[in-house]
Protein backbone atom coordinates (compact mmCIF):
# COMPACT_ATOMS: atom_id res chain seq x y z
CA UNK A 1 -9.50 -36.55 7.51
CA UNK A 2 -11.86 -34.01 9.07
CA UNK A 3 -8.91 -32.38 10.86
CA UNK A 4 -6.93 -32.17 7.62
CA UNK A 5 -9.91 -30.70 5.80
CA UNK A 6 -10.35 -28.08 8.51
CA UNK A 7 -6.67 -27.15 8.26
CA UNK A 8 -6.84 -26.90 4.48
CA UNK A 9 -9.89 -24.67 4.72
CA UNK A 10 -8.17 -22.54 7.34
CA UNK A 11 -5.16 -21.93 5.10
CA UNK A 12 -7.43 -21.28 2.11
CA UNK A 13 -9.19 -18.59 4.14
CA UNK A 14 -5.88 -16.95 5.05
CA UNK A 15 -4.65 -17.04 1.46
CA UNK A 16 -7.89 -15.47 0.26
CA UNK A 17 -7.55 -12.71 2.84
CA UNK A 18 -3.93 -12.04 1.86
CA UNK A 19 -4.72 -11.82 -1.84
CA UNK A 20 -7.75 -9.54 -1.41
CA UNK A 21 -5.90 -6.60 0.16
CA UNK A 22 -3.98 -4.11 -1.99
CA UNK A 23 -0.40 -3.56 -0.91
CA UNK A 24 2.35 -1.49 -2.47
CA UNK A 25 4.76 -4.23 -1.41
CA UNK A 26 4.49 -7.91 -2.39
CA UNK A 27 2.63 -10.15 0.06
CA UNK A 28 3.03 -13.94 -0.19
CA UNK A 29 3.59 -13.43 -3.90
CA UNK A 30 4.39 -15.99 -6.55
CA UNK A 31 8.07 -15.22 -6.02
CA UNK A 32 8.09 -17.04 -2.72
CA UNK A 33 8.66 -20.79 -2.56
CA UNK A 34 5.31 -22.55 -2.83
CA UNK A 35 5.69 -24.34 0.50
CA UNK A 36 5.97 -21.00 2.32
CA UNK A 37 3.00 -19.22 0.80
CA UNK A 38 0.58 -20.85 3.22
CA UNK A 39 2.47 -20.03 6.43
CA UNK A 40 3.10 -16.48 5.24
CA UNK A 41 -0.59 -16.05 4.48
CA UNK A 42 -1.42 -17.27 8.02
CA UNK A 43 0.92 -14.67 9.53
CA UNK A 44 -0.48 -11.99 7.25
CA UNK A 45 -4.10 -12.89 8.12
CA UNK A 46 -3.27 -12.71 11.83
CA UNK A 47 -1.61 -9.31 11.45
CA UNK A 48 -4.27 -7.94 9.08
CA UNK A 49 -7.21 -8.79 11.31
CA UNK A 50 -5.41 -7.58 14.45
CA UNK A 51 -4.62 -4.30 12.69
CA UNK A 52 -8.29 -4.00 11.76
CA UNK A 53 -9.23 -4.37 15.43
CA UNK A 54 -7.17 -1.25 16.12
CA UNK A 55 -8.26 0.76 13.09
CA UNK A 56 -11.50 -0.30 11.46
CA UNK A 57 -15.16 -0.06 12.38
CA UNK A 58 -16.75 1.93 15.18
CA UNK A 59 -15.63 -0.06 18.21
CA UNK A 60 -14.82 1.73 21.43
CA UNK A 61 -11.19 1.84 22.50
CA UNK A 62 -11.99 -0.63 25.28
CA UNK A 63 -13.52 -3.08 22.77
CA UNK A 64 -10.51 -2.75 20.47
CA UNK A 65 -8.10 -3.49 23.33
CA UNK A 66 -10.24 -6.43 24.48
CA UNK A 67 -10.11 -7.95 21.00
CA UNK A 68 -6.33 -7.52 20.83
CA UNK A 69 -5.91 -8.92 24.33
CA UNK A 70 -7.91 -11.99 23.26
CA UNK A 71 -5.39 -12.51 20.46
CA UNK A 72 -2.55 -12.18 23.00
CA UNK A 73 -4.18 -14.79 25.25
CA UNK A 74 -4.59 -17.15 22.30
CA UNK A 75 -0.86 -16.80 21.55
CA UNK A 76 -0.03 -17.62 25.17
CA UNK A 77 -2.01 -20.87 24.90
CA UNK A 78 -0.06 -21.83 21.78
CA UNK A 79 3.23 -20.99 23.51
CA UNK A 80 2.31 -23.42 26.30
CA UNK A 81 1.29 -26.13 23.80
CA UNK A 82 -2.30 -25.86 24.92
CA UNK A 83 -5.35 -25.74 22.69
CA UNK A 84 -6.08 -22.13 21.78
CA UNK A 85 -9.42 -20.72 22.95
CA UNK A 86 -9.65 -19.10 19.51
CA UNK A 87 -10.69 -21.84 17.08
CA UNK A 88 -11.09 -19.51 14.11
CA UNK A 89 -9.63 -20.35 10.71
CA UNK A 90 -6.85 -17.81 11.25
CA UNK A 91 -5.67 -19.34 14.52
CA UNK A 92 -6.07 -22.88 13.19
CA UNK A 93 -3.65 -22.04 10.37
CA UNK A 94 -1.41 -19.90 12.58
CA UNK A 95 -1.04 -22.61 15.22
CA UNK A 96 0.03 -25.09 12.56
CA UNK A 97 2.47 -22.56 11.09
CA UNK A 98 4.05 -21.81 14.47
CA UNK A 99 4.45 -25.49 15.30
CA UNK A 100 5.70 -26.58 11.89
CA UNK A 101 8.30 -23.82 11.61
CA UNK A 102 9.18 -23.27 15.29
CA UNK A 103 8.43 -19.56 15.07
CA UNK A 104 9.17 -17.16 17.92
CA UNK A 105 5.71 -16.34 19.25
CA UNK A 106 7.09 -13.21 20.92
CA UNK A 107 7.40 -11.63 17.46
CA UNK A 108 3.67 -12.11 16.87
CA UNK A 109 2.91 -10.63 20.28
CA UNK A 110 5.15 -7.67 19.41
CA UNK A 111 2.77 -6.91 16.54
CA UNK A 112 -0.13 -6.88 18.98
CA UNK A 113 1.82 -4.48 21.20
CA UNK A 114 2.01 -2.04 18.27
CA UNK A 115 -1.69 -2.36 17.49
CA UNK A 116 -2.57 -1.72 21.13
CA UNK A 117 -0.32 1.33 20.99
CA UNK A 118 -2.31 2.56 17.98
CA UNK A 119 -5.39 2.58 20.21
CA UNK A 120 -3.77 4.38 23.14
CA UNK A 121 -1.23 6.72 21.49
CA UNK A 122 -1.74 9.07 18.57
CA UNK A 123 1.33 11.37 18.67
CA UNK A 124 5.10 10.81 18.91
CA UNK A 125 7.46 13.39 20.32
CA UNK A 126 10.73 12.30 18.68
CA UNK A 127 11.99 10.30 15.75
CA UNK A 128 13.34 7.75 18.21
CA UNK A 129 9.80 7.31 19.55
CA UNK A 130 8.56 6.52 16.03
CA UNK A 131 11.41 4.07 15.48
CA UNK A 132 10.55 2.35 18.78
CA UNK A 133 6.99 1.91 17.51
CA UNK A 134 8.31 0.41 14.26
CA UNK A 135 10.31 -2.17 16.24
CA UNK A 136 6.97 -3.66 17.22
CA UNK A 137 4.80 -2.82 14.23
CA UNK A 138 7.10 -3.71 11.33
CA UNK A 139 10.34 -5.44 12.26
CA UNK A 140 8.73 -8.66 13.55
CA UNK A 141 7.37 -9.37 10.06
CA UNK A 142 10.83 -9.44 8.51
CA UNK A 143 12.23 -11.53 11.33
CA UNK A 144 9.41 -14.06 10.93
CA UNK A 145 10.14 -14.30 7.21
CA UNK A 146 13.81 -14.91 7.92
CA UNK A 147 12.89 -17.61 10.46
CA UNK A 148 10.69 -19.33 7.90
CA UNK A 149 13.70 -19.47 5.58
CA UNK A 150 16.11 -20.61 8.28
CA UNK A 151 18.09 -17.39 8.72
CA UNK A 152 18.76 -16.29 12.31
CA UNK A 153 22.16 -14.54 12.19
CA UNK A 154 22.34 -11.05 13.67
CA UNK A 155 23.57 -9.31 10.50
CA UNK A 156 20.60 -10.39 8.43
CA UNK A 157 18.20 -9.62 11.27
CA UNK A 158 19.52 -6.06 11.52
CA UNK A 159 19.33 -5.57 7.76
CA UNK A 160 15.78 -6.89 7.80
CA UNK A 161 14.88 -4.52 10.64
CA UNK A 162 16.17 -1.58 8.62
CA UNK A 163 14.11 -2.58 5.58
CA UNK A 164 10.93 -3.17 7.57
CA UNK A 165 11.24 0.11 9.44
CA UNK A 166 11.78 1.90 6.13
CA UNK A 167 8.65 0.28 4.69
CA UNK A 168 6.63 1.31 7.72
CA UNK A 169 7.84 4.90 7.51
CA UNK A 170 7.02 5.07 3.80
CA UNK A 171 3.49 3.89 4.61
CA UNK A 172 3.23 6.65 7.21
CA UNK A 173 4.40 9.29 4.75
CA UNK A 174 1.93 8.07 2.11
CA UNK A 175 -1.01 8.37 4.52
CA UNK A 176 -0.27 11.55 6.48
CA UNK A 177 -3.55 13.24 5.65
CA UNK A 178 -5.75 10.15 6.10
CA UNK A 179 -4.09 9.21 9.39
CA UNK A 180 -4.70 12.71 10.74
CA UNK A 181 -8.22 13.29 9.44
CA UNK A 182 -9.64 9.79 9.95
CA UNK A 183 -7.77 8.54 13.01
CA UNK A 184 -6.26 11.64 14.64
CA UNK A 185 -2.82 10.02 14.37
CA UNK A 186 0.40 11.79 13.51
CA UNK A 187 3.54 9.73 12.97
CA UNK A 188 5.67 12.74 12.12
CA UNK A 189 7.83 13.60 15.14
CA UNK A 190 6.34 16.50 17.06
CA UNK A 191 9.74 18.08 17.66
CA UNK A 192 10.52 18.03 13.93
CA UNK A 193 7.16 19.63 13.13
CA UNK A 194 7.83 22.38 15.65
CA UNK A 195 11.32 22.95 14.26
CA UNK A 196 9.85 23.50 10.79
CA UNK A 197 6.93 25.59 12.12
CA UNK A 198 4.31 23.04 11.08
CA UNK A 199 1.15 22.74 13.16
CA UNK A 200 -1.34 19.88 13.15
CA UNK A 201 -3.99 21.63 11.09
CA UNK A 202 -1.47 22.05 8.27
CA UNK A 203 -1.79 18.30 7.71
CA UNK A 204 -5.41 18.69 6.68
CA UNK A 205 -4.74 21.28 3.97
CA UNK A 206 -4.58 20.40 0.29
CA UNK A 207 -1.66 22.76 -0.27
CA UNK A 208 1.70 22.50 1.46
CA UNK A 209 4.46 24.97 2.21
CA UNK A 210 8.20 25.12 1.66
CA UNK A 211 8.59 24.44 5.38
CA UNK A 212 6.49 21.31 5.09
CA UNK A 213 8.57 20.16 2.14
CA UNK A 214 11.73 20.65 4.19
CA UNK A 215 10.20 18.64 7.02
CA UNK A 216 9.37 15.76 4.70
CA UNK A 217 12.76 15.80 2.98
CA UNK A 218 14.30 15.28 6.42
CA UNK A 219 12.09 12.23 6.96
CA UNK A 220 12.77 10.86 3.48
CA UNK A 221 16.52 11.02 4.08
CA UNK A 222 16.08 8.91 7.19
CA UNK A 223 14.25 6.30 5.11
CA UNK A 224 16.99 6.38 2.48
CA UNK A 225 19.58 5.77 5.20
CA UNK A 226 17.63 2.73 6.42
CA UNK A 227 17.31 1.30 2.92
CA UNK A 228 21.07 1.74 2.49
CA UNK A 229 21.59 -0.44 5.57
CA UNK A 230 19.12 -3.06 4.37
CA UNK A 231 20.04 -3.11 0.67
CA UNK A 232 22.81 -5.77 0.99
CA UNK A 233 20.27 -8.30 2.28
CA UNK A 234 18.95 -8.62 -1.25
CA UNK A 235 22.44 -9.56 -2.45
CA UNK A 236 22.98 -12.17 0.27
CA UNK A 237 19.77 -14.17 -0.06
CA UNK A 238 19.48 -16.81 -2.71
CA UNK A 239 16.62 -18.12 -4.84
CA UNK A 240 13.05 -16.90 -4.82
CA UNK A 241 13.34 -15.34 -1.37
CA UNK A 242 16.23 -13.17 -2.50
CA UNK A 243 14.24 -12.15 -5.56
CA UNK A 244 11.29 -11.24 -3.35
CA UNK A 245 13.44 -9.14 -1.02
CA UNK A 246 15.17 -7.37 -3.90
CA UNK A 247 11.79 -6.54 -5.46
CA UNK A 248 10.46 -5.24 -2.16
CA UNK A 249 13.51 -3.02 -1.64
CA UNK A 250 13.28 -1.60 -5.15
CA UNK A 251 9.55 -1.00 -4.67
CA UNK A 252 10.38 0.95 -1.52
CA UNK A 253 13.08 2.90 -3.36
CA UNK A 254 10.71 3.68 -6.21
CA UNK A 255 8.02 4.98 -3.87
CA UNK A 256 10.57 6.98 -1.91
CA UNK A 257 11.92 8.48 -5.15
CA UNK A 258 8.36 9.54 -6.06
CA UNK A 259 7.79 11.05 -2.62
CA UNK A 260 11.07 12.97 -2.70
CA UNK A 261 10.66 14.43 -6.17
CA UNK A 262 6.93 15.10 -6.55
CA UNK A 263 5.66 18.71 -6.71
CA UNK A 264 5.00 20.50 -3.43
CA UNK A 265 1.24 20.61 -4.13
CA UNK A 266 1.18 16.79 -4.26
CA UNK A 267 3.04 16.16 -1.01
CA UNK A 268 -0.07 14.82 0.73
CA UNK A 269 -1.31 12.62 -2.14
CA UNK A 270 -0.80 8.86 -1.88
CA UNK A 271 1.45 7.43 -4.61
CA UNK A 272 0.85 3.95 -5.99
CA UNK A 273 2.97 1.53 -7.93
CA UNK A 274 1.19 0.37 -11.07
CA UNK A 275 1.29 -3.23 -12.24
CA UNK A 276 3.59 -2.12 -15.07
CA UNK A 277 5.99 -0.50 -12.61
CA UNK A 278 6.00 -3.57 -10.37
CA UNK A 279 6.60 -5.72 -13.45
CA UNK A 280 9.70 -3.71 -14.32
CA UNK A 281 10.98 -3.96 -10.76
CA UNK A 282 10.49 -7.73 -10.85
CA UNK A 283 12.68 -7.91 -13.95
CA UNK A 284 15.32 -5.58 -12.50
CA UNK A 285 15.37 -7.67 -9.30
CA UNK A 286 15.90 -10.98 -11.08
CA UNK A 287 19.65 -10.48 -11.35
CA UNK A 288 21.76 -9.01 -8.57
CA UNK A 289 23.71 -6.80 -10.97
CA UNK A 290 20.60 -5.09 -12.37
CA UNK A 291 19.20 -4.87 -8.84
CA UNK A 292 22.27 -2.95 -7.67
CA UNK A 293 22.22 -0.71 -10.73
CA UNK A 294 18.50 0.11 -10.33
CA UNK A 295 18.96 0.76 -6.62
CA UNK A 296 21.73 3.29 -7.36
CA UNK A 297 19.56 5.03 -9.95
CA UNK A 298 16.66 5.35 -7.52
CA UNK A 299 18.73 6.72 -4.63
């Protein structure tokens, strides 16, 4: 009984953590089947806290990497069916989730690889370099969700990768100024910036130029291309999971539409989806026909 109580408390902690963080995209929402909300919250809590190791507080780089390496070691213990040295609520719930759903632990370790990269690398030379980062930072999340639902075919995995990379890029483009000023990180490709005559200090200014707008329109088109690849996934998945994916894709499209069409002097401001906007997207996502129609209107 004590073990069961500890597990219940561990999942309750993860669910509380998941619900307390604002996200533009749904996280373990009511759309998902009830039996999957707990495992998804465990994965989210793991990723959220690991991300905080890389980003938050005033730790030294060495301390950040040590914390992330401890998470990697804990995953290795789970992979070998050994008791994890991390007996926190997060790893108690995560261990149960991995075992119950036979999740690929390498995907969780891929996330840690991205967070370690955040500590050691702040600039990316090419768009391909940014995409390579997203393969670790974003794509594992979608693949884990598909595994939880029993989907492992290559077509769905590739569509999921496209969606997750698009979501990650949108997050980058929402936070350009904060990433640069607070963390000295730039996720815009250096070669693209040079081509459009944009220098780093331009990212700190409140006003933007026509050249900067051209640079961002190039990046937005890349996101639109990724969403086009991933869009059919929402039509293929059934039930609540399909509804969740369709809502997430439309939320991404809505944010991208705002980014593409906002005035030049607002290019560095972070857009948000209101509860009313999300409510409309939920309704539009309920039926596949209205989902397709809304997607076309937001392109």
